[in-house]
Amino acid sequence: MSNALTHTELASLIRTRAGITVDPADMESRPEATFEEFGIDSLGLLGIVGELENRHGARITAGAEMSRTPAEFIDVVNSSLATKAGA
């Protein structure tokens, strides 16, 4: 089983942590779309980072909450999780 963050999981976290419903297919089909376009700010992302750290028992790369796009955020989180898994 992979620990990699997916667009579907990110959309679920956005809904529960930021209170905003985002279609995961929309995020995936528009990798250049910013979190701002989806109505999500850095505070919402900070809550998502905290939830991911709790779930995985690992620190997520500092600054992940400053990611501009969902694609960038997913890359940063998955790199952090892969580094932890390889440790």
PDB file of N, CA and C in Angstrom:
ATOM      1  N   MET A   1       0.833  -1.184   0.000  1.00  0.00           N
ATOM      2  CA  MET A   1       0.000   0.000   0.000  1.00  0.00           C
ATOM      3  C   MET A   1       0.879   1.250   0.000  1.00  0.00           C
ATOM      4  N   SER A   2       0.537   2.178  -0.833  1.00  0.00           N
ATOM      5  CA  SER A   2       1.314   3.394  -0.975  1.00  0.00           C
ATOM      6  C   SER A   2       0.835   4.460   0.012  1.00  0.00           C
ATOM      7  N   ASN A   3       1.774   5.219   0.535  1.00  0.00           N
ATOM      8  CA  ASN A   3       1.441   6.344   1.404  1.00  0.00           C
ATOM      9  C   ASN A   3       1.347   7.640   0.622  1.00  0.00           C
ATOM     10  N   ALA A   4       1.496   7.573  -0.698  1.00  0.00           N
ATOM     11  CA  ALA A   4       1.520   8.770  -1.524  1.00  0.00           C
ATOM     12  C   ALA A   4       0.185   9.512  -1.462  1.00  0.00           C
ATOM     13  N   LEU A   5       0.273  10.814  -1.358  1.00  0.00           N
ATOM     14  CA  LEU A   5      -0.898  11.677  -1.370  1.00  0.00           C
ATOM     15  C   LEU A   5      -1.445  11.743  -2.785  1.00  0.00           C
ATOM     16  N   THR A   6      -2.745  11.568  -2.928  1.00  0.00           N
ATOM     17  CA  THR A   6      -3.400  11.645  -4.236  1.00  0.00           C
ATOM     18  C   THR A   6      -4.276  12.894  -4.293  1.00  0.00           C
ATOM     19  N   HIS A   7      -4.728  13.226  -5.481  1.00  0.00           N
ATOM     20  CA  HIS A   7      -5.646  14.351  -5.638  1.00  0.00           C
ATOM     21  C   HIS A   7      -6.948  14.102  -4.870  1.00  0.00           C
ATOM     22  N   THR A   8      -7.395  12.860  -4.866  1.00  0.00           N
ATOM     23  CA  THR A   8      -8.630  12.520  -4.158  1.00  0.00           C
ATOM     24  C   THR A   8      -8.473  12.732  -2.661  1.00  0.00           C
ATOM     25  N   GLU A   9      -7.355  12.272  -2.104  1.00  0.00           N
ATOM     26  CA  GLU A   9      -7.116  12.458  -0.670  1.00  0.00           C
ATOM     27  C   GLU A   9      -6.949  13.941  -0.348  1.00  0.00           C
ATOM     28  N   LEU A  10      -6.250  14.671  -1.204  1.00  0.00           N
ATOM     29  CA  LEU A  10      -6.069  16.108  -0.983  1.00  0.00           C
ATOM     30  C   LEU A  10      -7.426  16.810  -0.998  1.00  0.00           C
ATOM     31  N   ALA A  11      -8.288  16.473  -1.935  1.00  0.00           N
ATOM     32  CA  ALA A  11      -9.618  17.086  -1.998  1.00  0.00           C
ATOM     33  C   ALA A  11     -10.406  16.806  -0.719  1.00  0.00           C
ATOM     34  N   SER A  12     -10.280  15.591  -0.197  1.00  0.00           N
ATOM     35  CA  SER A  12     -10.959  15.233   1.045  1.00  0.00           C
ATOM     36  C   SER A  12     -10.407  16.047   2.219  1.00  0.00           C
ATOM     37  N   LEU A  13      -9.090  16.202   2.270  1.00  0.00           N
ATOM     38  CA  LEU A  13      -8.461  16.997   3.333  1.00  0.00           C
ATOM     39  C   LEU A  13      -8.865  18.469   3.225  1.00  0.00           C
ATOM     40  N   ILE A  14      -8.955  18.974   2.021  1.00  0.00           N
ATOM     41  CA  ILE A  14      -9.373  20.371   1.817  1.00  0.00           C
ATOM     42  C   ILE A  14     -10.796  20.552   2.350  1.00  0.00           C
ATOM     43  N   ARG A  15     -11.651  19.589   2.063  1.00  0.00           N
ATOM     44  CA  ARG A  15     -13.040  19.670   2.527  1.00  0.00           C
ATOM     45  C   ARG A  15     -13.108  19.649   4.061  1.00  0.00           C
ATOM     46  N   THR A  16     -12.365  18.740   4.692  1.00  0.00           N
ATOM     47  CA  THR A  16     -12.465  18.615   6.145  1.00  0.00           C
ATOM     48  C   THR A  16     -11.675  19.688   6.892  1.00  0.00           C
ATOM     49  N   ARG A  17     -10.550  20.110   6.357  1.00  0.00           N
ATOM     50  CA  ARG A  17      -9.692  21.076   7.058  1.00  0.00           C
ATOM     51  C   ARG A  17      -9.947  22.527   6.685  1.00  0.00           C
ATOM     52  N   ALA A  18     -10.367  22.784   5.434  1.00  0.00           N
ATOM     53  CA  ALA A  18     -10.574  24.164   4.999  1.00  0.00           C
ATOM     54  C   ALA A  18     -12.044  24.463   4.723  1.00  0.00           C
ATOM     55  N   GLY A  19     -12.897  23.427   4.731  1.00  0.00           N
ATOM     56  CA  GLY A  19     -14.322  23.631   4.511  1.00  0.00           C
ATOM     57  C   GLY A  19     -14.694  23.990   3.086  1.00  0.00           C
ATOM     58  N   ILE A  20     -13.840  23.634   2.154  1.00  0.00           N
ATOM     59  CA  ILE A  20     -14.068  23.957   0.741  1.00  0.00           C
ATOM     60  C   ILE A  20     -14.125  22.663  -0.046  1.00  0.00           C
ATOM     61  N   THR A  21     -15.142  22.551  -0.901  1.00  0.00           N
ATOM     62  CA  THR A  21     -15.265  21.363  -1.740  1.00  0.00           C
ATOM     63  C   THR A  21     -14.583  21.623  -3.073  1.00  0.00           C
ATOM     64  N   VAL A  22     -13.635  20.754  -3.396  1.00  0.00           N
ATOM     65  CA  VAL A  22     -12.879  20.848  -4.644  1.00  0.00           C
ATOM     66  C   VAL A  22     -12.967  19.498  -5.342  1.00  0.00           C
ATOM     67  N   ASP A  23     -13.215  19.521  -6.632  1.00  0.00           N
ATOM     68  CA  ASP A  23     -13.270  18.296  -7.422  1.00  0.00           C
ATOM     69  C   ASP A  23     -11.837  17.824  -7.690  1.00  0.00           C
ATOM     70  N   PRO A  24     -11.480  16.617  -7.228  1.00  0.00           N
ATOM     71  CA  PRO A  24     -10.112  16.133  -7.444  1.00  0.00           C
ATOM     72  C   PRO A  24      -9.753  16.029  -8.918  1.00  0.00           C
ATOM     73  N   ALA A  25     -10.717  15.709  -9.766  1.00  0.00           N
ATOM     74  CA  ALA A  25     -10.451  15.619 -11.205  1.00  0.00           C
ATOM     75  C   ALA A  25     -10.103  16.992 -11.770  1.00  0.00           C
ATOM     76  N   ASP A  26     -10.721  18.042 -11.236  1.00  0.00           N
ATOM     77  CA  ASP A  26     -10.422  19.409 -11.671  1.00  0.00           C
ATOM     78  C   ASP A  26      -8.995  19.784 -11.298  1.00  0.00           C
ATOM     79  N   MET A  27      -8.582  19.426 -10.076  1.00  0.00           N
ATOM     80  CA  MET A  27      -7.203  19.717  -9.663  1.00  0.00           C
ATOM     81  C   MET A  27      -6.211  18.958 -10.545  1.00  0.00           C
ATOM     82  N   GLU A  28      -6.522  17.713 -10.817  1.00  0.00           N
ATOM     83  CA  GLU A  28      -5.603  16.876 -11.592  1.00  0.00           C
ATOM     84  C   GLU A  28      -5.520  17.318 -13.052  1.00  0.00           C
ATOM     85  N   SER A  29      -6.641  17.740 -13.619  1.00  0.00           N
ATOM     86  CA  SER A  29      -6.645  18.119 -15.037  1.00  0.00           C
ATOM     87  C   SER A  29      -6.075  19.518 -15.276  1.00  0.00           C
ATOM     88  N   ARG A  30      -5.948  20.303 -14.201  1.00  0.00           N
ATOM     89  CA  ARG A  30      -5.394  21.657 -14.326  1.00  0.00           C
ATOM     90  C   ARG A  30      -4.230  21.830 -13.350  1.00  0.00           C
ATOM     91  N   PRO A  31      -3.089  21.180 -13.631  1.00  0.00           N
ATOM     92  CA  PRO A  31      -1.966  21.225 -12.692  1.00  0.00           C
ATOM     93  C   PRO A  31      -1.413  22.631 -12.449  1.00  0.00           C
ATOM     94  N   GLU A  32      -1.680  23.564 -13.359  1.00  0.00           N
ATOM     95  CA  GLU A  32      -1.179  24.925 -13.199  1.00  0.00           C
ATOM     96  C   GLU A  32      -2.112  25.795 -12.355  1.00  0.00           C
ATOM     97  N   ALA A  33      -3.329  25.304 -12.060  1.00  0.00           N
ATOM     98  CA  ALA A  33      -4.294  26.073 -11.268  1.00  0.00           C
ATOM     99  C   ALA A  33      -3.778  26.235  -9.841  1.00  0.00           C
ATOM    100  N   THR A  34      -3.920  27.435  -9.322  1.00  0.00           N
ATOM    101  CA  THR A  34      -3.408  27.730  -7.988  1.00  0.00           C
ATOM    102  C   THR A  34      -4.447  27.399  -6.908  1.00  0.00           C
ATOM    103  N   PHE A  35      -3.939  27.240  -5.686  1.00  0.00           N
ATOM    104  CA  PHE A  35      -4.850  27.045  -4.565  1.00  0.00           C
ATOM    105  C   PHE A  35      -5.787  28.238  -4.444  1.00  0.00           C
ATOM    106  N   GLU A  36      -5.285  29.418  -4.728  1.00  0.00           N
ATOM    107  CA  GLU A  36      -6.108  30.625  -4.664  1.00  0.00           C
ATOM    108  C   GLU A  36      -7.322  30.509  -5.591  1.00  0.00           C
ATOM    109  N   GLU A  37      -7.123  29.944  -6.780  1.00  0.00           N
ATOM    110  CA  GLU A  37      -8.234  29.757  -7.705  1.00  0.00           C
ATOM    111  C   GLU A  37      -9.298  28.826  -7.138  1.00  0.00           C
ATOM    112  N   PHE A  38      -8.884  27.905  -6.282  1.00  0.00           N
ATOM    113  CA  PHE A  38      -9.818  26.976  -5.650  1.00  0.00           C
ATOM    114  C   PHE A  38     -10.371  27.530  -4.327  1.00  0.00           C
ATOM    115  N   GLY A  39      -9.884  28.716  -3.908  1.00  0.00           N
ATOM    116  CA  GLY A  39     -10.368  29.347  -2.690  1.00  0.00           C
ATOM    117  C   GLY A  39      -9.664  28.900  -1.423  1.00  0.00           C
ATOM    118  N   ILE A  40      -8.460  28.365  -1.557  1.00  0.00           N
ATOM    119  CA  ILE A  40      -7.724  27.834  -0.409  1.00  0.00           C
ATOM    120  C   ILE A  40      -6.524  28.729  -0.119  1.00  0.00           C
ATOM    121  N   ASP A  41      -6.363  29.091   1.140  1.00  0.00           N
ATOM    122  CA  ASP A  41      -5.232  29.942   1.519  1.00  0.00           C
ATOM    123  C   ASP A  41      -4.172  29.135   2.278  1.00  0.00           C
ATOM    124  N   SER A  42      -3.092  29.797   2.649  1.00  0.00           N
ATOM    125  CA  SER A  42      -1.986  29.108   3.318  1.00  0.00           C
ATOM    126  C   SER A  42      -2.388  28.581   4.692  1.00  0.00           C
ATOM    127  N   LEU A  43      -3.323  29.230   5.353  1.00  0.00           N
ATOM    128  CA  LEU A  43      -3.788  28.737   6.648  1.00  0.00           C
ATOM    129  C   LEU A  43      -4.506  27.392   6.481  1.00  0.00           C
ATOM    130  N   GLY A  44      -5.317  27.274   5.431  1.00  0.00           N
ATOM    131  CA  GLY A  44      -5.970  25.999   5.137  1.00  0.00           C
ATOM    132  C   GLY A  44      -4.948  24.915   4.851  1.00  0.00           C
ATOM    133  N   LEU A  45      -3.909  25.271   4.098  1.00  0.00           N
ATOM    134  CA  LEU A  45      -2.858  24.297   3.786  1.00  0.00           C
ATOM    135  C   LEU A  45      -2.082  23.909   5.040  1.00  0.00           C
ATOM    136  N   LEU A  46      -1.901  24.846   5.942  1.00  0.00           N
ATOM    137  CA  LEU A  46      -1.203  24.541   7.190  1.00  0.00           C
ATOM    138  C   LEU A  46      -1.967  23.475   7.980  1.00  0.00           C
ATOM    139  N   GLY A  47      -3.282  23.584   8.006  1.00  0.00           N
ATOM    140  CA  GLY A  47      -4.098  22.571   8.669  1.00  0.00           C
ATOM    141  C   GLY A  47      -3.977  21.216   8.001  1.00  0.00           C
ATOM    142  N   ILE A  48      -3.889  21.210   6.687  1.00  0.00           N
ATOM    143  CA  ILE A  48      -3.735  19.964   5.928  1.00  0.00           C
ATOM    144  C   ILE A  48      -2.373  19.342   6.216  1.00  0.00           C
ATOM    145  N   VAL A  49      -1.335  20.163   6.259  1.00  0.00           N
ATOM    146  CA  VAL A  49       0.006  19.668   6.575  1.00  0.00           C
ATOM    147  C   VAL A  49       0.007  19.025   7.961  1.00  0.00           C
ATOM    148  N   GLY A  50      -0.611  19.693   8.928  1.00  0.00           N
ATOM    149  CA  GLY A  50      -0.679  19.145  10.282  1.00  0.00           C
ATOM    150  C   GLY A  50      -1.386  17.801  10.317  1.00  0.00           C
ATOM    151  N   GLU A  51      -2.478  17.693   9.593  1.00  0.00           N
ATOM    152  CA  GLU A  51      -3.213  16.423   9.535  1.00  0.00           C
ATOM    153  C   GLU A  51      -2.356  15.329   8.904  1.00  0.00           C
ATOM    154  N   LEU A  52      -1.658  15.652   7.828  1.00  0.00           N
ATOM    155  CA  LEU A  52      -0.796  14.663   7.172  1.00  0.00           C
ATOM    156  C   LEU A  52       0.346  14.227   8.085  1.00  0.00           C
ATOM    157  N   GLU A  53       0.924  15.181   8.820  1.00  0.00           N
ATOM    158  CA  GLU A  53       2.000  14.830   9.757  1.00  0.00           C
ATOM    159  C   GLU A  53       1.486  13.889  10.844  1.00  0.00           C
ATOM    160  N   ASN A  54       0.280  14.145  11.330  1.00  0.00           N
ATOM    161  CA  ASN A  54      -0.313  13.265  12.343  1.00  0.00           C
ATOM    162  C   ASN A  54      -0.587  11.877  11.778  1.00  0.00           C
ATOM    163  N   ARG A  55      -1.133  11.809  10.586  1.00  0.00           N
ATOM    164  CA  ARG A  55      -1.466  10.523   9.966  1.00  0.00           C
ATOM    165  C   ARG A  55      -0.244   9.663   9.695  1.00  0.00           C
ATOM    166  N   HIS A  56       0.818  10.308   9.236  1.00  0.00           N
ATOM    167  CA  HIS A  56       1.991   9.562   8.784  1.00  0.00           C
ATOM    168  C   HIS A  56       3.121   9.532   9.807  1.00  0.00           C
ATOM    169  N   GLY A  57       2.974  10.267  10.897  1.00  0.00           N
ATOM    170  CA  GLY A  57       4.012  10.279  11.914  1.00  0.00           C
ATOM    171  C   GLY A  57       5.340  10.804  11.391  1.00  0.00           C
ATOM    172  N   ALA A  58       5.260  11.754  10.482  1.00  0.00           N
ATOM    173  CA  ALA A  58       6.482  12.308   9.878  1.00  0.00           C
ATOM    174  C   ALA A  58       6.293  13.791   9.622  1.00  0.00           C
ATOM    175  N   ARG A  59       7.383  14.524   9.706  1.00  0.00           N
ATOM    176  CA  ARG A  59       7.348  15.951   9.368  1.00  0.00           C
ATOM    177  C   ARG A  59       7.271  16.101   7.861  1.00  0.00           C
ATOM    178  N   ILE A  60       6.454  17.017   7.440  1.00  0.00           N
ATOM    179  CA  ILE A  60       6.370  17.367   6.020  1.00  0.00           C
ATOM    180  C   ILE A  60       7.331  18.535   5.802  1.00  0.00           C
ATOM    181  N   THR A  61       7.983  18.551   4.659  1.00  0.00           N
ATOM    182  CA  THR A  61       8.956  19.584   4.344  1.00  0.00           C
ATOM    183  C   THR A  61       8.452  20.970   4.721  1.00  0.00           C
ATOM    184  N   ALA A  62       9.294  21.723   5.435  1.00  0.00           N
ATOM    185  CA  ALA A  62       8.950  23.092   5.821  1.00  0.00           C
ATOM    186  C   ALA A  62       8.601  23.895   4.576  1.00  0.00           C
ATOM    187  N   GLY A  63       7.560  24.680   4.680  1.00  0.00           N
ATOM    188  CA  GLY A  63       7.139  25.517   3.563  1.00  0.00           C
ATOM    189  C   GLY A  63       6.118  24.873   2.647  1.00  0.00           C
ATOM    190  N   ALA A  64       5.731  23.638   2.915  1.00  0.00           N
ATOM    191  CA  ALA A  64       4.745  22.962   2.065  1.00  0.00           C
ATOM    192  C   ALA A  64       3.455  23.777   1.994  1.00  0.00           C
ATOM    193  N   GLU A  65       3.117  24.439   3.110  1.00  0.00           N
ATOM    194  CA  GLU A  65       1.889  25.233   3.135  1.00  0.00           C
ATOM    195  C   GLU A  65       1.962  26.475   2.249  1.00  0.00           C
ATOM    196  N   MET A  66       3.141  26.756   1.729  1.00  0.00           N
ATOM    197  CA  MET A  66       3.312  27.889   0.821  1.00  0.00           C
ATOM    198  C   MET A  66       3.267  27.462  -0.654  1.00  0.00           C
ATOM    199  N   SER A  67       2.987  26.214  -0.900  1.00  0.00           N
ATOM    200  CA  SER A  67       2.887  25.730  -2.284  1.00  0.00           C
ATOM    201  C   SER A  67       1.817  26.534  -3.010  1.00  0.00           C
ATOM    202  N   ARG A  68       2.085  26.842  -4.266  1.00  0.00           N
ATOM    203  CA  ARG A  68       1.142  27.634  -5.044  1.00  0.00           C
ATOM    204  C   ARG A  68       0.038  26.792  -5.681  1.00  0.00           C
ATOM    205  N   THR A  69       0.348  25.551  -6.031  1.00  0.00           N
ATOM    206  CA  THR A  69      -0.620  24.717  -6.734  1.00  0.00           C
ATOM    207  C   THR A  69      -0.796  23.379  -6.026  1.00  0.00           C
ATOM    208  N   PRO A  70      -1.938  22.724  -6.229  1.00  0.00           N
ATOM    209  CA  PRO A  70      -2.100  21.382  -5.682  1.00  0.00           C
ATOM    210  C   PRO A  70      -1.022  20.422  -6.185  1.00  0.00           C
ATOM    211  N   ALA A  71      -0.642  20.534  -7.455  1.00  0.00           N
ATOM    212  CA  ALA A  71       0.393  19.650  -8.013  1.00  0.00           C
ATOM    213  C   ALA A  71       1.714  19.842  -7.271  1.00  0.00           C
ATOM    214  N   GLU A  72       2.087  21.077  -7.015  1.00  0.00           N
ATOM    215  CA  GLU A  72       3.324  21.369  -6.274  1.00  0.00           C
ATOM    216  C   GLU A  72       3.229  20.820  -4.853  1.00  0.00           C
ATOM    217  N   PHE A  73       2.084  21.017  -4.200  1.00  0.00           N
ATOM    218  CA  PHE A  73       1.886  20.538  -2.843  1.00  0.00           C
ATOM    219  C   PHE A  73       2.004  19.020  -2.778  1.00  0.00           C
ATOM    220  N   ILE A  74       1.363  18.337  -3.705  1.00  0.00           N
ATOM    221  CA  ILE A  74       1.419  16.870  -3.746  1.00  0.00           C
ATOM    222  C   ILE A  74       2.858  16.403  -3.938  1.00  0.00           C
ATOM    223  N   ASP A  75       3.603  17.056  -4.818  1.00  0.00           N
ATOM    224  CA  ASP A  75       5.010  16.689  -5.041  1.00  0.00           C
ATOM    225  C   ASP A  75       5.836  16.854  -3.761  1.00  0.00           C
ATOM    226  N   VAL A  76       5.649  17.981  -3.074  1.00  0.00           N
ATOM    227  CA  VAL A  76       6.403  18.246  -1.845  1.00  0.00           C
ATOM    228  C   VAL A  76       6.061  17.214  -0.774  1.00  0.00           C
ATOM    229  N   VAL A  77       4.770  16.959  -0.593  1.00  0.00           N
ATOM    230  CA  VAL A  77       4.343  16.001   0.432  1.00  0.00           C
ATOM    231  C   VAL A  77       4.850  14.602   0.099  1.00  0.00           C
ATOM    232  N   ASN A  78       4.691  14.186  -1.135  1.00  0.00           N
ATOM    233  CA  ASN A  78       5.127  12.842  -1.507  1.00  0.00           C
ATOM    234  C   ASN A  78       6.640  12.680  -1.406  1.00  0.00           C
ATOM    235  N   SER A  79       7.393  13.728  -1.699  1.00  0.00           N
ATOM    236  CA  SER A  79       8.852  13.669  -1.516  1.00  0.00           C
ATOM    237  C   SER A  79       9.191  13.501  -0.040  1.00  0.00           C
ATOM    238  N   SER A  80       8.478  14.239   0.819  1.00  0.00           N
ATOM    239  CA  SER A  80       8.704  14.120   2.271  1.00  0.00           C
ATOM    240  C   SER A  80       8.380  12.704   2.752  1.00  0.00           C
ATOM    241  N   LEU A  81       7.260  12.159   2.290  1.00  0.00           N
ATOM    242  CA  LEU A  81       6.861  10.826   2.720  1.00  0.00           C
ATOM    243  C   LEU A  81       7.818   9.759   2.185  1.00  0.00           C
ATOM    244  N   ALA A  82       8.291   9.936   0.953  1.00  0.00           N
ATOM    245  CA  ALA A  82       9.243   8.977   0.372  1.00  0.00           C
ATOM    246  C   ALA A  82      10.562   9.005   1.123  1.00  0.00           C
ATOM    247  N   THR A  83      11.004  10.190   1.532  1.00  0.00           N
ATOM    248  CA  THR A  83      12.240  10.329   2.299  1.00  0.00           C
ATOM    249  C   THR A  83      12.098   9.613   3.637  1.00  0.00           C
ATOM    250  N   LYS A  84      10.962   9.779   4.289  1.00  0.00           N
ATOM    251  CA  LYS A  84      10.716   9.112   5.561  1.00  0.00           C
ATOM    252  C   LYS A  84      10.694   7.599   5.376  1.00  0.00           C
ATOM    253  N   ALA A  85      10.039   7.129   4.315  1.00  0.00           N
ATOM    254  CA  ALA A  85       9.941   5.686   4.057  1.00  0.00           C
ATOM    255  C   ALA A  85      11.297   5.069   3.769  1.00  0.00           C
ATOM    256  N   GLY A  86      12.193   5.845   3.144  1.00  0.00           N
ATOM    257  CA  GLY A  86      13.527   5.351   2.804  1.00  0.00           C
ATOM    258  C   GLY A  86      14.488   5.427   3.958  1.00  0.00           C
ATOM    259  N   ALA A  87      14.103   6.126   5.035  1.00  0.00           N
ATOM    260  CA  ALA A  87      15.012   6.320   6.175  1.00  0.00           C
ATOM    261  C   ALA A  87      15.170   5.058   6.992  1.00  0.00           C
TER     262      ALA A  87
END
